């Protein structure tokens, strides 16, 4: 899998791994809600959004390279 010119540093990850990491971040935020600072929970949710965008972008790149 080669990285495009505009590829991110996470483009080497499979889109499936990125999707799993996104779900894991959401689960971690839900489980830790109330036990940690709201800032930490917010950062975990922000990481989930980032991994979701990475999964989307990597899946699009894969589909584009297969076409």
PDB file of N, CA and C in Angstrom:
ATOM      1  N   UNK A   1       0.858  -1.177   0.000  1.00  0.00           N
ATOM      2  CA  UNK A   1       0.000   0.000   0.000  1.00  0.00           C
ATOM      3  C   UNK A   1       0.897   1.229   0.000  1.00  0.00           C
ATOM      4  N   UNK A   2       0.829   2.023  -1.037  1.00  0.00           N
ATOM      5  CA  UNK A   2       1.648   3.222  -1.106  1.00  0.00           C
ATOM      6  C   UNK A   2       0.843   4.434  -0.661  1.00  0.00           C
ATOM      7  N   UNK A   3       1.556   5.390  -0.111  1.00  0.00           N
ATOM      8  CA  UNK A   3       0.899   6.584   0.396  1.00  0.00           C
ATOM      9  C   UNK A   3       0.857   7.640  -0.707  1.00  0.00           C
ATOM     10  N   UNK A   4      -0.289   8.254  -0.874  1.00  0.00           N
ATOM     11  CA  UNK A   4      -0.415   9.300  -1.881  1.00  0.00           C
ATOM     12  C   UNK A   4       0.325  10.546  -1.416  1.00  0.00           C
ATOM     13  N   UNK A   5       0.478  11.507  -2.313  1.00  0.00           N
ATOM     14  CA  UNK A   5       1.180  12.737  -1.969  1.00  0.00           C
ATOM     15  C   UNK A   5       0.507  13.470  -0.816  1.00  0.00           C
ATOM     16  N   UNK A   6      -0.802  13.425  -0.785  1.00  0.00           N
ATOM     17  CA  UNK A   6      -1.550  14.146   0.238  1.00  0.00           C
ATOM     18  C   UNK A   6      -1.929  13.234   1.404  1.00  0.00           C
ATOM     19  N   UNK A   7      -1.397  12.043   1.457  1.00  0.00           N
ATOM     20  CA  UNK A   7      -1.754  11.086   2.504  1.00  0.00           C
ATOM     21  C   UNK A   7      -1.273  11.528   3.869  1.00  0.00           C
ATOM     22  N   UNK A   8      -1.991  11.115   4.873  1.00  0.00           N
ATOM     23  CA  UNK A   8      -1.613  11.452   6.240  1.00  0.00           C
ATOM     24  C   UNK A   8      -0.694  10.384   6.797  1.00  0.00           C
ATOM     25  N   UNK A   9      -0.176  10.622   7.977  1.00  0.00           N
ATOM     26  CA  UNK A   9       0.676   9.648   8.628  1.00  0.00           C
ATOM     27  C   UNK A   9      -0.062   8.395   9.022  1.00  0.00           C
ATOM     28  N   UNK A  10      -1.397   8.468   9.089  1.00  0.00           N
ATOM     29  CA  UNK A  10      -2.193   7.297   9.460  1.00  0.00           C
ATOM     30  C   UNK A  10      -2.705   6.548   8.246  1.00  0.00           C
ATOM     31  N   UNK A  11      -2.251   6.921   7.058  1.00  0.00           N
ATOM     32  CA  UNK A  11      -2.763   6.258   5.860  1.00  0.00           C
ATOM     33  C   UNK A  11      -2.258   4.827   5.728  1.00  0.00           C
ATOM     34  N   UNK A  12      -1.287   4.443   6.546  1.00  0.00           N
ATOM     35  CA  UNK A  12      -0.800   3.066   6.485  1.00  0.00           C
ATOM     36  C   UNK A  12      -1.721   2.107   7.235  1.00  0.00           C
ATOM     37  N   UNK A  13      -2.639   2.653   8.044  1.00  0.00           N
ATOM     38  CA  UNK A  13      -3.572   1.807   8.775  1.00  0.00           C
ATOM     39  C   UNK A  13      -4.721   1.372   7.887  1.00  0.00           C
ATOM     40  N   UNK A  14      -5.173   0.166   8.069  1.00  0.00           N
ATOM     41  CA  UNK A  14      -6.361  -0.308   7.379  1.00  0.00           C
ATOM     42  C   UNK A  14      -7.563   0.509   7.858  1.00  0.00           C
ATOM     43  N   UNK A  15      -8.528   0.715   6.986  1.00  0.00           N
ATOM     44  CA  UNK A  15      -9.714   1.471   7.394  1.00  0.00           C
ATOM     45  C   UNK A  15     -10.481   0.702   8.463  1.00  0.00           C
ATOM     46  N   UNK A  16     -10.391  -0.632   8.458  1.00  0.00           N
ATOM     47  CA  UNK A  16     -11.081  -1.430   9.465  1.00  0.00           C
ATOM     48  C   UNK A  16     -10.469  -1.228  10.846  1.00  0.00           C
ATOM     49  N   UNK A  17      -9.143  -1.152  10.909  1.00  0.00           N
ATOM     50  CA  UNK A  17      -8.473  -0.898  12.193  1.00  0.00           C
ATOM     51  C   UNK A  17      -8.852   0.481  12.702  1.00  0.00           C
ATOM     52  N   UNK A  18      -8.903   1.464  11.821  1.00  0.00           N
ATOM     53  CA  UNK A  18      -9.279   2.820  12.219  1.00  0.00           C
ATOM     54  C   UNK A  18     -10.706   2.860  12.754  1.00  0.00           C
ATOM     55  N   UNK A  19     -11.602   2.121  12.119  1.00  0.00           N
ATOM     56  CA  UNK A  19     -12.987   2.075  12.587  1.00  0.00           C
ATOM     57  C   UNK A  19     -13.070   1.426  13.966  1.00  0.00           C
ATOM     58  N   UNK A  20     -12.307   0.361  14.177  1.00  0.00           N
ATOM     59  CA  UNK A  20     -12.297  -0.307  15.488  1.00  0.00           C
ATOM     60  C   UNK A  20     -11.748   0.631  16.556  1.00  0.00           C
ATOM     61  N   UNK A  21     -10.693   1.367  16.236  1.00  0.00           N
ATOM     62  CA  UNK A  21     -10.127   2.311  17.196  1.00  0.00           C
ATOM     63  C   UNK A  21     -11.112   3.434  17.523  1.00  0.00           C
ATOM     64  N   UNK A  22     -11.901   3.840  16.547  1.00  0.00           N
ATOM     65  CA  UNK A  22     -12.915   4.859  16.796  1.00  0.00           C
ATOM     66  C   UNK A  22     -13.956   4.355  17.783  1.00  0.00           C
ATOM     67  N   UNK A  23     -14.444   3.145  17.560  1.00  0.00           N
ATOM     68  CA  UNK A  23     -15.438   2.556  18.468  1.00  0.00           C
ATOM     69  C   UNK A  23     -14.837   2.357  19.852  1.00  0.00           C
ATOM     70  N   UNK A  24     -13.586   1.923  19.908  1.00  0.00           N
ATOM     71  CA  UNK A  24     -12.926   1.720  21.198  1.00  0.00           C
ATOM     72  C   UNK A  24     -12.789   3.032  21.966  1.00  0.00           C
ATOM     73  N   UNK A  25     -12.539   4.118  21.263  1.00  0.00           N
ATOM     74  CA  UNK A  25     -12.441   5.424  21.924  1.00  0.00           C
ATOM     75  C   UNK A  25     -13.776   5.854  22.505  1.00  0.00           C
ATOM     76  N   UNK A  26     -14.855   5.600  21.772  1.00  0.00           N
ATOM     77  CA  UNK A  26     -16.193   5.940  22.276  1.00  0.00           C
ATOM     78  C   UNK A  26     -16.509   5.093  23.510  1.00  0.00           C
ATOM     79  N   UNK A  27     -16.218   3.799  23.451  1.00  0.00           N
ATOM     80  CA  UNK A  27     -16.476   2.923  24.598  1.00  0.00           C
ATOM     81  C   UNK A  27     -15.655   3.374  25.807  1.00  0.00           C
ATOM     82  N   UNK A  28     -14.400   3.714  25.579  1.00  0.00           N
ATOM     83  CA  UNK A  28     -13.559   4.203  26.668  1.00  0.00           C
ATOM     84  C   UNK A  28     -14.097   5.482  27.286  1.00  0.00           C
ATOM     85  N   UNK A  29     -14.615   6.375  26.459  1.00  0.00           N
ATOM     86  CA  UNK A  29     -15.182   7.631  26.978  1.00  0.00           C
ATOM     87  C   UNK A  29     -16.440   7.362  27.785  1.00  0.00           C
ATOM     88  N   UNK A  30     -17.273   6.448  27.325  1.00  0.00           N
ATOM     89  CA  UNK A  30     -18.516   6.132  28.041  1.00  0.00           C
ATOM     90  C   UNK A  30     -18.207   5.455  29.375  1.00  0.00           C
ATOM     91  N   UNK A  31     -17.268   4.509  29.363  1.00  0.00           N
ATOM     92  CA  UNK A  31     -16.928   3.781  30.591  1.00  0.00           C
ATOM     93  C   UNK A  31     -16.309   4.709  31.621  1.00  0.00           C
ATOM     94  N   UNK A  32     -15.473   5.625  31.170  1.00  0.00           N
ATOM     95  CA  UNK A  32     -14.777   6.504  32.117  1.00  0.00           C
ATOM     96  C   UNK A  32     -15.562   7.769  32.455  1.00  0.00           C
ATOM     97  N   UNK A  33     -16.722   7.962  31.853  1.00  0.00           N
ATOM     98  CA  UNK A  33     -17.507   9.168  32.095  1.00  0.00           C
ATOM     99  C   UNK A  33     -17.832   9.284  33.582  1.00  0.00           C
ATOM    100  N   UNK A  34     -17.515  10.400  34.174  1.00  0.00           N
ATOM    101  CA  UNK A  34     -17.764  10.635  35.589  1.00  0.00           C
ATOM    102  C   UNK A  34     -16.587  10.257  36.468  1.00  0.00           C
ATOM    103  N   UNK A  35     -15.732   9.357  36.007  1.00  0.00           N
ATOM    104  CA  UNK A  35     -14.559   8.958  36.780  1.00  0.00           C
ATOM    105  C   UNK A  35     -13.356   9.848  36.503  1.00  0.00           C
ATOM    106  N   UNK A  36     -13.339  10.462  35.354  1.00  0.00           N
ATOM    107  CA  UNK A  36     -12.226  11.335  34.982  1.00  0.00           C
ATOM    108  C   UNK A  36     -12.776  12.721  34.655  1.00  0.00           C
ATOM    109  N   UNK A  37     -11.869  13.645  34.463  1.00  0.00           N
ATOM    110  CA  UNK A  37     -12.243  15.016  34.123  1.00  0.00           C
ATOM    111  C   UNK A  37     -13.034  15.044  32.812  1.00  0.00           C
ATOM    112  N   UNK A  38     -14.010  15.934  32.708  1.00  0.00           N
ATOM    113  CA  UNK A  38     -14.740  16.071  31.439  1.00  0.00           C
ATOM    114  C   UNK A  38     -13.820  16.407  30.262  1.00  0.00           C
ATOM    115  N   UNK A  39     -12.699  17.037  30.552  1.00  0.00           N
ATOM    116  CA  UNK A  39     -11.741  17.347  29.487  1.00  0.00           C
ATOM    117  C   UNK A  39     -11.171  16.058  28.903  1.00  0.00           C
ATOM    118  N   UNK A  40     -10.857  15.107  29.759  1.00  0.00           N
ATOM    119  CA  UNK A  40     -10.325  13.823  29.289  1.00  0.00           C
ATOM    120  C   UNK A  40     -11.377  13.087  28.464  1.00  0.00           C
ATOM    121  N   UNK A  41     -12.624  13.092  28.939  1.00  0.00           N
ATOM    122  CA  UNK A  41     -13.701  12.450  28.185  1.00  0.00           C
ATOM    123  C   UNK A  41     -13.858  13.111  26.823  1.00  0.00           C
ATOM    124  N   UNK A  42     -13.791  14.432  26.805  1.00  0.00           N
ATOM    125  CA  UNK A  42     -13.883  15.163  25.542  1.00  0.00           C
ATOM    126  C   UNK A  42     -12.744  14.826  24.600  1.00  0.00           C
ATOM    127  N   UNK A  43     -11.549  14.685  25.132  1.00  0.00           N
ATOM    128  CA  UNK A  43     -10.410  14.319  24.299  1.00  0.00           C
ATOM    129  C   UNK A  43     -10.560  12.908  23.733  1.00  0.00           C
ATOM    130  N   UNK A  44     -11.137  12.006  24.520  1.00  0.00           N
ATOM    131  CA  UNK A  44     -11.371  10.651  24.027  1.00  0.00           C
ATOM    132  C   UNK A  44     -12.389  10.663  22.889  1.00  0.00           C
ATOM    133  N   UNK A  45     -13.428  11.469  23.035  1.00  0.00           N
ATOM    134  CA  UNK A  45     -14.423  11.574  21.967  1.00  0.00           C
ATOM    135  C   UNK A  45     -13.833  12.247  20.731  1.00  0.00           C
ATOM    136  N   UNK A  46     -12.959  13.218  20.947  1.00  0.00           N
ATOM    137  CA  UNK A  46     -12.278  13.861  19.828  1.00  0.00           C
ATOM    138  C   UNK A  46     -11.387  12.859  19.093  1.00  0.00           C
ATOM    139  N   UNK A  47     -10.724  11.982  19.837  1.00  0.00           N
ATOM    140  CA  UNK A  47      -9.918  10.931  19.208  1.00  0.00           C
ATOM    141  C   UNK A  47     -10.803   9.999  18.395  1.00  0.00           C
ATOM    142  N   UNK A  48     -11.990   9.697  18.906  1.00  0.00           N
ATOM    143  CA  UNK A  48     -12.919   8.833  18.176  1.00  0.00           C
ATOM    144  C   UNK A  48     -13.298   9.465  16.842  1.00  0.00           C
ATOM    145  N   UNK A  49     -13.553  10.761  16.850  1.00  0.00           N
ATOM    146  CA  UNK A  49     -13.904  11.459  15.608  1.00  0.00           C
ATOM    147  C   UNK A  49     -12.724  11.421  14.635  1.00  0.00           C
ATOM    148  N   UNK A  50     -11.533  11.627  15.156  1.00  0.00           N
ATOM    149  CA  UNK A  50     -10.344  11.590  14.309  1.00  0.00           C
ATOM    150  C   UNK A  50     -10.139  10.230  13.660  1.00  0.00           C
ATOM    151  N   UNK A  51     -10.303   9.171  14.449  1.00  0.00           N
ATOM    152  CA  UNK A  51     -10.155   7.820  13.890  1.00  0.00           C
ATOM    153  C   UNK A  51     -11.256   7.521  12.883  1.00  0.00           C
ATOM    154  N   UNK A  52     -12.464   8.045  13.116  1.00  0.00           N
ATOM    155  CA  UNK A  52     -13.558   7.832  12.160  1.00  0.00           C
ATOM    156  C   UNK A  52     -13.249   8.510  10.823  1.00  0.00           C
ATOM    157  N   UNK A  53     -12.718   9.728  10.871  1.00  0.00           N
ATOM    158  CA  UNK A  53     -12.340  10.413   9.634  1.00  0.00           C
ATOM    159  C   UNK A  53     -11.195   9.682   8.935  1.00  0.00           C
ATOM    160  N   UNK A  54     -10.254   9.158   9.716  1.00  0.00           N
ATOM    161  CA  UNK A  54      -9.151   8.393   9.133  1.00  0.00           C
ATOM    162  C   UNK A  54      -9.682   7.150   8.428  1.00  0.00           C
ATOM    163  N   UNK A  55     -10.618   6.454   9.067  1.00  0.00           N
ATOM    164  CA  UNK A  55     -11.207   5.259   8.459  1.00  0.00           C
ATOM    165  C   UNK A  55     -11.911   5.618   7.156  1.00  0.00           C
ATOM    166  N   UNK A  56     -12.669   6.709   7.179  1.00  0.00           N
ATOM    167  CA  UNK A  56     -13.394   7.132   5.975  1.00  0.00           C
ATOM    168  C   UNK A  56     -12.424   7.468   4.843  1.00  0.00           C
ATOM    169  N   UNK A  57     -11.404   8.240   5.163  1.00  0.00           N
ATOM    170  CA  UNK A  57     -10.450   8.654   4.131  1.00  0.00           C
ATOM    171  C   UNK A  57      -9.665   7.474   3.574  1.00  0.00           C
ATOM    172  N   UNK A  58      -9.248   6.571   4.454  1.00  0.00           N
ATOM    173  CA  UNK A  58      -8.475   5.420   3.993  1.00  0.00           C
ATOM    174  C   UNK A  58      -9.325   4.471   3.158  1.00  0.00           C
ATOM    175  N   UNK A  59     -10.599   4.358   3.492  1.00  0.00           N
ATOM    176  CA  UNK A  59     -11.494   3.503   2.702  1.00  0.00           C
ATOM    177  C   UNK A  59     -11.709   4.121   1.314  1.00  0.00           C
ATOM    178  N   UNK A  60     -11.887   5.426   1.266  1.00  0.00           N
ATOM    179  CA  UNK A  60     -12.055   6.095  -0.028  1.00  0.00           C
ATOM    180  C   UNK A  60     -10.810   5.934  -0.887  1.00  0.00           C
ATOM    181  N   UNK A  61      -9.636   6.065  -0.283  1.00  0.00           N
ATOM    182  CA  UNK A  61      -8.381   5.926  -1.019  1.00  0.00           C
ATOM    183  C   UNK A  61      -8.235   4.495  -1.552  1.00  0.00           C
ATOM    184  N   UNK A  62      -8.620   3.515  -0.747  1.00  0.00           N
ATOM    185  CA  UNK A  62      -8.551   2.118  -1.172  1.00  0.00           C
ATOM    186  C   UNK A  62      -9.478   1.863  -2.351  1.00  0.00           C
ATOM    187  N   UNK A  63     -10.711   2.382  -2.261  1.00  0.00           N
ATOM    188  CA  UNK A  63     -11.667   2.187  -3.344  1.00  0.00           C
ATOM    189  C   UNK A  63     -11.201   2.881  -4.616  1.00  0.00           C
ATOM    190  N   UNK A  64     -10.590   4.052  -4.450  1.00  0.00           N
ATOM    191  CA  UNK A  64     -10.117   4.803  -5.614  1.00  0.00           C
ATOM    192  C   UNK A  64      -8.947   4.072  -6.278  1.00  0.00           C
ATOM    193  N   UNK A  65      -8.068   3.471  -5.485  1.00  0.00           N
ATOM    194  CA  UNK A  65      -6.915   2.775  -6.062  1.00  0.00           C
ATOM    195  C   UNK A  65      -7.313   1.445  -6.709  1.00  0.00           C
ATOM    196  N   UNK A  66      -8.428   0.844  -6.251  1.00  0.00           N
ATOM    197  CA  UNK A  66      -8.895  -0.402  -6.850  1.00  0.00           C
ATOM    198  C   UNK A  66      -9.658  -0.176  -8.132  1.00  0.00           C
ATOM    199  N   UNK A  67     -10.191   1.027  -8.316  1.00  0.00           N
ATOM    200  CA  UNK A  67     -11.000   1.326  -9.510  1.00  0.00           C
ATOM    201  C   UNK A  67     -10.154   1.632 -10.713  1.00  0.00           C
TER     202      UNK A  67
END
